[in-house]
Amino acid sequence: MMKNRIVPRVVELAEGVYIETAIPRENHAALRSGFAGYPSNPRWTVRKYQAWKQGRQWRQALKDGSMAVQEKRLVATETALKMAIAPPEEERTSWRSPLKKLAFSLN
C-alpha cells in the first residue's frame, strides 16, 4: 500500500531567493508567478491558484518585514515567530446571552 507523503522541496522563488515547501512540483511555476507579482491565470486549477496565492502572501510578508532573506533562504523573522508562539490574549471566561440586553422589568 502506497501512502501519500509530504516531501519538502526547495523552490527558487526569484533569483537567489529559495524556500522549502511541500507544494508539488507541477505548481511551482504558479508559486513563482505569485511571488513575482504576476496576475493569476483564470484557467489554473484550484491547487495552482492556491500556490499562486501562497507566493503572493510570501511576497507581502517579505515586504512587511515578517519574513527576510537570510543566506539565500526566505525565513520568518524573530518577531513573526514570537507572535506566532505568543499565548493568546485574555480569553473570555464568562458567556453572556445576547438576549440579556433585551430583558426589562415591570416594576
N, C-alpha and C. Protein backbone atom coordinates (compact mmCIF):
# COMPACT_ATOMS: atom_id res chain seq x y z
N MET A 1 0.84 -1.18 0.00
CA MET A 1 0.00 0.00 0.00
C MET A 1 0.89 1.24 0.00
N MET A 2 0.62 2.13 -0.91
CA MET A 2 1.42 3.33 -1.04
C MET A 2 0.75 4.48 -0.30
N LYS A 3 1.53 5.17 0.50
CA LYS A 3 1.00 6.30 1.26
C LYS A 3 1.43 7.60 0.60
N ASN A 4 0.56 8.58 0.68
CA ASN A 4 0.93 9.91 0.19
C ASN A 4 1.79 10.57 1.25
N ARG A 5 3.01 10.89 0.86
CA ARG A 5 3.92 11.55 1.79
C ARG A 5 4.12 12.98 1.34
N ILE A 6 4.26 13.85 2.31
CA ILE A 6 4.57 15.23 2.01
C ILE A 6 6.08 15.36 2.05
N VAL A 7 6.65 15.65 0.90
CA VAL A 7 8.10 15.76 0.79
C VAL A 7 8.45 17.23 0.61
N PRO A 8 9.16 17.82 1.57
CA PRO A 8 9.53 19.22 1.39
C PRO A 8 10.56 19.37 0.27
N ARG A 9 10.37 20.37 -0.56
CA ARG A 9 11.26 20.64 -1.68
C ARG A 9 11.75 22.07 -1.58
N VAL A 10 12.93 22.31 -2.08
CA VAL A 10 13.46 23.66 -2.14
C VAL A 10 13.09 24.25 -3.49
N VAL A 11 12.46 25.42 -3.46
CA VAL A 11 11.98 26.09 -4.66
C VAL A 11 12.68 27.44 -4.77
N GLU A 12 13.11 27.78 -5.98
CA GLU A 12 13.68 29.10 -6.21
C GLU A 12 12.55 30.05 -6.59
N LEU A 13 12.21 30.95 -5.65
CA LEU A 13 11.11 31.89 -5.90
C LEU A 13 11.53 33.01 -6.85
N ALA A 14 12.73 33.48 -6.67
CA ALA A 14 13.29 34.51 -7.53
C ALA A 14 14.79 34.24 -7.58
N GLU A 15 15.50 35.01 -8.36
CA GLU A 15 16.93 34.77 -8.49
C GLU A 15 17.62 34.95 -7.13
N GLY A 16 18.15 33.86 -6.59
CA GLY A 16 18.85 33.91 -5.31
C GLY A 16 17.96 33.84 -4.09
N VAL A 17 16.66 33.60 -4.25
CA VAL A 17 15.73 33.50 -3.11
C VAL A 17 15.09 32.12 -3.15
N TYR A 18 15.38 31.33 -2.14
CA TYR A 18 14.88 29.96 -2.07
C TYR A 18 14.00 29.79 -0.84
N ILE A 19 13.10 28.81 -0.90
CA ILE A 19 12.27 28.46 0.26
C ILE A 19 11.96 26.98 0.20
N GLU A 20 11.81 26.38 1.35
CA GLU A 20 11.45 24.96 1.44
C GLU A 20 9.93 24.87 1.61
N THR A 21 9.30 24.08 0.76
CA THR A 21 7.84 23.96 0.78
C THR A 21 7.41 22.55 0.38
N ALA A 22 6.18 22.20 0.72
CA ALA A 22 5.63 20.90 0.35
C ALA A 22 4.71 21.00 -0.86
N ILE A 23 4.69 22.16 -1.49
CA ILE A 23 3.85 22.34 -2.69
C ILE A 23 4.41 21.47 -3.81
N PRO A 24 3.56 20.70 -4.48
CA PRO A 24 4.03 19.80 -5.55
C PRO A 24 4.72 20.55 -6.69
N ARG A 25 5.63 19.86 -7.36
CA ARG A 25 6.41 20.45 -8.45
C ARG A 25 5.56 21.05 -9.56
N GLU A 26 4.46 20.43 -9.89
CA GLU A 26 3.65 20.94 -11.00
C GLU A 26 3.04 22.31 -10.70
N ASN A 27 3.09 22.75 -9.44
CA ASN A 27 2.54 24.05 -9.07
C ASN A 27 3.61 25.10 -8.78
N HIS A 28 4.88 24.75 -8.96
CA HIS A 28 5.96 25.68 -8.65
C HIS A 28 5.95 26.91 -9.55
N ALA A 29 5.57 26.76 -10.80
CA ALA A 29 5.52 27.92 -11.70
C ALA A 29 4.49 28.92 -11.22
N ALA A 30 3.35 28.45 -10.76
CA ALA A 30 2.31 29.35 -10.23
C ALA A 30 2.80 30.01 -8.95
N LEU A 31 3.53 29.28 -8.13
CA LEU A 31 4.08 29.82 -6.89
C LEU A 31 5.06 30.96 -7.19
N ARG A 32 5.95 30.74 -8.15
CA ARG A 32 6.90 31.78 -8.55
C ARG A 32 6.18 32.98 -9.17
N SER A 33 5.13 32.71 -9.92
CA SER A 33 4.36 33.77 -10.54
C SER A 33 3.72 34.68 -9.49
N GLY A 34 3.16 34.07 -8.46
CA GLY A 34 2.56 34.86 -7.38
C GLY A 34 3.60 35.66 -6.63
N PHE A 35 4.77 35.07 -6.39
CA PHE A 35 5.84 35.77 -5.68
C PHE A 35 6.36 36.94 -6.50
N ALA A 36 6.38 36.79 -7.82
CA ALA A 36 6.87 37.85 -8.70
C ALA A 36 5.86 38.97 -8.88
N GLY A 37 4.60 38.73 -8.50
CA GLY A 37 3.58 39.77 -8.61
C GLY A 37 2.75 39.71 -9.87
N TYR A 38 2.85 38.62 -10.62
CA TYR A 38 2.04 38.47 -11.83
C TYR A 38 0.60 38.12 -11.46
N PRO A 39 -0.36 38.45 -12.33
CA PRO A 39 -1.76 38.09 -12.05
C PRO A 39 -1.98 36.59 -12.22
N SER A 40 -3.04 36.10 -11.59
CA SER A 40 -3.36 34.67 -11.69
C SER A 40 -3.95 34.37 -13.07
N ASN A 41 -3.85 33.12 -13.46
CA ASN A 41 -4.38 32.68 -14.74
C ASN A 41 -5.77 32.09 -14.49
N PRO A 42 -6.81 32.54 -15.16
CA PRO A 42 -8.16 32.02 -14.91
C PRO A 42 -8.33 30.55 -15.29
N ARG A 43 -7.41 29.98 -16.07
CA ARG A 43 -7.52 28.57 -16.46
C ARG A 43 -6.82 27.64 -15.48
N TRP A 44 -6.20 28.18 -14.44
CA TRP A 44 -5.49 27.34 -13.48
C TRP A 44 -6.46 26.49 -12.66
N THR A 45 -5.94 25.36 -12.19
CA THR A 45 -6.71 24.53 -11.27
C THR A 45 -6.70 25.20 -9.90
N VAL A 46 -7.49 24.66 -9.00
CA VAL A 46 -7.57 25.21 -7.64
C VAL A 46 -6.20 25.14 -6.96
N ARG A 47 -5.51 24.05 -7.12
CA ARG A 47 -4.20 23.87 -6.47
C ARG A 47 -3.17 24.88 -7.00
N LYS A 48 -3.20 25.14 -8.29
CA LYS A 48 -2.27 26.13 -8.85
C LYS A 48 -2.61 27.52 -8.34
N TYR A 49 -3.90 27.82 -8.24
CA TYR A 49 -4.31 29.12 -7.71
C TYR A 49 -3.87 29.26 -6.25
N GLN A 50 -3.99 28.20 -5.46
CA GLN A 50 -3.57 28.24 -4.06
C GLN A 50 -2.05 28.45 -3.97
N ALA A 51 -1.29 27.82 -4.85
CA ALA A 51 0.16 28.01 -4.87
C ALA A 51 0.48 29.45 -5.24
N TRP A 52 -0.22 30.01 -6.23
CA TRP A 52 -0.03 31.39 -6.62
C TRP A 52 -0.32 32.33 -5.45
N LYS A 53 -1.40 32.05 -4.74
CA LYS A 53 -1.80 32.87 -3.60
C LYS A 53 -0.75 32.80 -2.49
N GLN A 54 -0.19 31.60 -2.26
CA GLN A 54 0.86 31.44 -1.25
C GLN A 54 2.09 32.26 -1.63
N GLY A 55 2.46 32.24 -2.89
CA GLY A 55 3.59 33.05 -3.35
C GLY A 55 3.34 34.53 -3.14
N ARG A 56 2.12 34.96 -3.40
CA ARG A 56 1.76 36.36 -3.19
C ARG A 56 1.84 36.73 -1.70
N GLN A 57 1.39 35.81 -0.83
CA GLN A 57 1.44 36.06 0.61
C GLN A 57 2.88 36.14 1.11
N TRP A 58 3.76 35.29 0.56
CA TRP A 58 5.17 35.35 0.95
C TRP A 58 5.80 36.66 0.49
N ARG A 59 5.44 37.14 -0.68
CA ARG A 59 5.96 38.41 -1.19
C ARG A 59 5.52 39.55 -0.28
N GLN A 60 4.25 39.52 0.16
CA GLN A 60 3.73 40.55 1.07
C GLN A 60 4.43 40.47 2.42
N ALA A 61 4.67 39.26 2.92
CA ALA A 61 5.36 39.08 4.20
C ALA A 61 6.80 39.60 4.11
N LEU A 62 7.43 39.41 2.97
CA LEU A 62 8.78 39.93 2.76
C LEU A 62 8.76 41.45 2.76
N LYS A 63 7.74 42.02 2.15
CA LYS A 63 7.60 43.48 2.10
C LYS A 63 7.31 44.05 3.49
N ASP A 64 6.47 43.35 4.28
CA ASP A 64 6.09 43.82 5.62
C ASP A 64 7.21 43.65 6.64
N GLY A 65 8.14 42.77 6.36
CA GLY A 65 9.23 42.55 7.30
C GLY A 65 9.03 41.34 8.20
N SER A 66 7.93 40.61 8.05
CA SER A 66 7.73 39.41 8.86
C SER A 66 8.50 38.22 8.31
N MET A 67 9.04 38.36 7.10
CA MET A 67 9.95 37.37 6.52
C MET A 67 11.14 38.13 5.96
N ALA A 68 12.28 37.43 5.92
CA ALA A 68 13.50 38.04 5.41
C ALA A 68 14.32 37.00 4.67
N VAL A 69 15.20 37.46 3.81
CA VAL A 69 16.10 36.57 3.08
C VAL A 69 17.40 36.49 3.86
N GLN A 70 17.72 35.30 4.34
CA GLN A 70 18.97 35.07 5.08
C GLN A 70 19.68 33.90 4.43
N GLU A 71 20.90 34.14 3.98
CA GLU A 71 21.70 33.11 3.32
C GLU A 71 20.95 32.48 2.14
N LYS A 72 20.33 33.34 1.33
CA LYS A 72 19.57 32.93 0.14
C LYS A 72 18.31 32.15 0.45
N ARG A 73 17.87 32.13 1.69
CA ARG A 73 16.63 31.44 2.09
C ARG A 73 15.64 32.44 2.63
N LEU A 74 14.39 32.28 2.26
CA LEU A 74 13.33 33.11 2.78
C LEU A 74 12.86 32.49 4.09
N VAL A 75 13.03 33.20 5.19
CA VAL A 75 12.69 32.67 6.51
C VAL A 75 11.87 33.69 7.28
N ALA A 76 11.13 33.22 8.26
CA ALA A 76 10.35 34.10 9.12
C ALA A 76 11.30 34.82 10.07
N THR A 77 11.03 36.08 10.35
CA THR A 77 11.87 36.84 11.26
C THR A 77 11.53 36.47 12.69
N GLU A 78 12.39 36.88 13.62
CA GLU A 78 12.19 36.53 15.04
C GLU A 78 10.90 37.13 15.59
N THR A 79 10.56 38.34 15.18
CA THR A 79 9.34 38.96 15.70
C THR A 79 8.11 38.21 15.22
N ALA A 80 8.13 37.73 13.97
CA ALA A 80 7.00 36.97 13.45
C ALA A 80 6.88 35.64 14.18
N LEU A 81 8.01 35.01 14.48
CA LEU A 81 7.98 33.75 15.21
C LEU A 81 7.47 33.94 16.63
N LYS A 82 7.88 35.02 17.27
CA LYS A 82 7.41 35.30 18.64
C LYS A 82 5.91 35.53 18.66
N MET A 83 5.40 36.23 17.67
CA MET A 83 3.96 36.48 17.61
C MET A 83 3.19 35.19 17.36
N ALA A 84 3.76 34.28 16.58
CA ALA A 84 3.09 33.01 16.29
C ALA A 84 3.07 32.12 17.52
N ILE A 85 4.10 32.21 18.35
CA ILE A 85 4.20 31.36 19.54
C ILE A 85 3.53 32.00 20.74
N ALA A 86 3.34 33.30 20.73
CA ALA A 86 2.80 34.02 21.88
C ALA A 86 1.44 33.46 22.29
N PRO A 87 1.21 33.39 23.60
CA PRO A 87 -0.09 32.90 24.06
C PRO A 87 -1.19 33.88 23.66
N PRO A 88 -2.38 33.39 23.47
CA PRO A 88 -3.47 34.30 23.08
C PRO A 88 -3.74 35.30 24.19
N GLU A 89 -4.25 36.44 23.78
CA GLU A 89 -4.59 37.46 24.77
C GLU A 89 -5.67 36.92 25.68
N GLU A 90 -6.07 37.71 26.59
CA GLU A 90 -7.05 37.28 27.60
C GLU A 90 -8.29 36.68 26.94
N GLU A 91 -8.61 35.46 27.33
CA GLU A 91 -9.79 34.80 26.79
C GLU A 91 -10.99 35.11 27.69
N ARG A 92 -12.13 35.23 27.08
CA ARG A 92 -13.35 35.45 27.87
C ARG A 92 -13.75 34.15 28.53
N THR A 93 -13.95 34.23 29.83
CA THR A 93 -14.36 33.03 30.55
C THR A 93 -15.86 33.00 30.79
N SER A 94 -16.47 34.16 30.81
CA SER A 94 -17.91 34.17 31.05
C SER A 94 -18.66 34.40 29.74
N TRP A 95 -19.79 33.79 29.63
CA TRP A 95 -20.61 33.95 28.45
C TRP A 95 -21.85 34.71 28.84
N ARG A 96 -22.25 35.65 28.03
CA ARG A 96 -23.43 36.44 28.32
C ARG A 96 -24.38 36.34 27.15
N SER A 97 -25.58 36.04 27.43
CA SER A 97 -26.58 35.89 26.39
C SER A 97 -26.85 37.22 25.71
N PRO A 98 -26.98 37.24 24.40
CA PRO A 98 -27.32 38.50 23.72
C PRO A 98 -28.73 38.96 24.06
N LEU A 99 -29.58 38.05 24.56
CA LEU A 99 -30.95 38.42 24.92
C LEU A 99 -31.01 39.14 26.26
N LYS A 100 -29.93 39.10 27.03
CA LYS A 100 -29.91 39.75 28.33
C LYS A 100 -30.07 41.25 28.17
N LYS A 101 -29.62 41.82 27.08
CA LYS A 101 -29.76 43.25 26.83
C LYS A 101 -31.23 43.62 26.67
N LEU A 102 -32.02 42.68 26.18
CA LEU A 102 -33.44 42.97 25.90
C LEU A 102 -34.34 42.75 27.11
N ALA A 103 -33.79 42.18 28.18
CA ALA A 103 -34.61 41.91 29.37
C ALA A 103 -34.97 43.23 30.05
N PHE A 104 -36.18 43.31 30.51
CA PHE A 104 -36.61 44.51 31.23
C PHE A 104 -37.52 44.10 32.37
N SER A 105 -37.74 44.99 33.23
CA SER A 105 -38.52 44.72 34.43
C SER A 105 -39.83 45.52 34.38
N LEU A 106 -40.89 44.93 34.97
CA LEU A 106 -42.19 45.61 35.02
C LEU A 106 -42.37 46.38 36.32
N ASN A 107 -41.41 46.30 37.20
CA ASN A 107 -41.53 47.01 38.49
C ASN A 107 -41.17 48.44 38.38
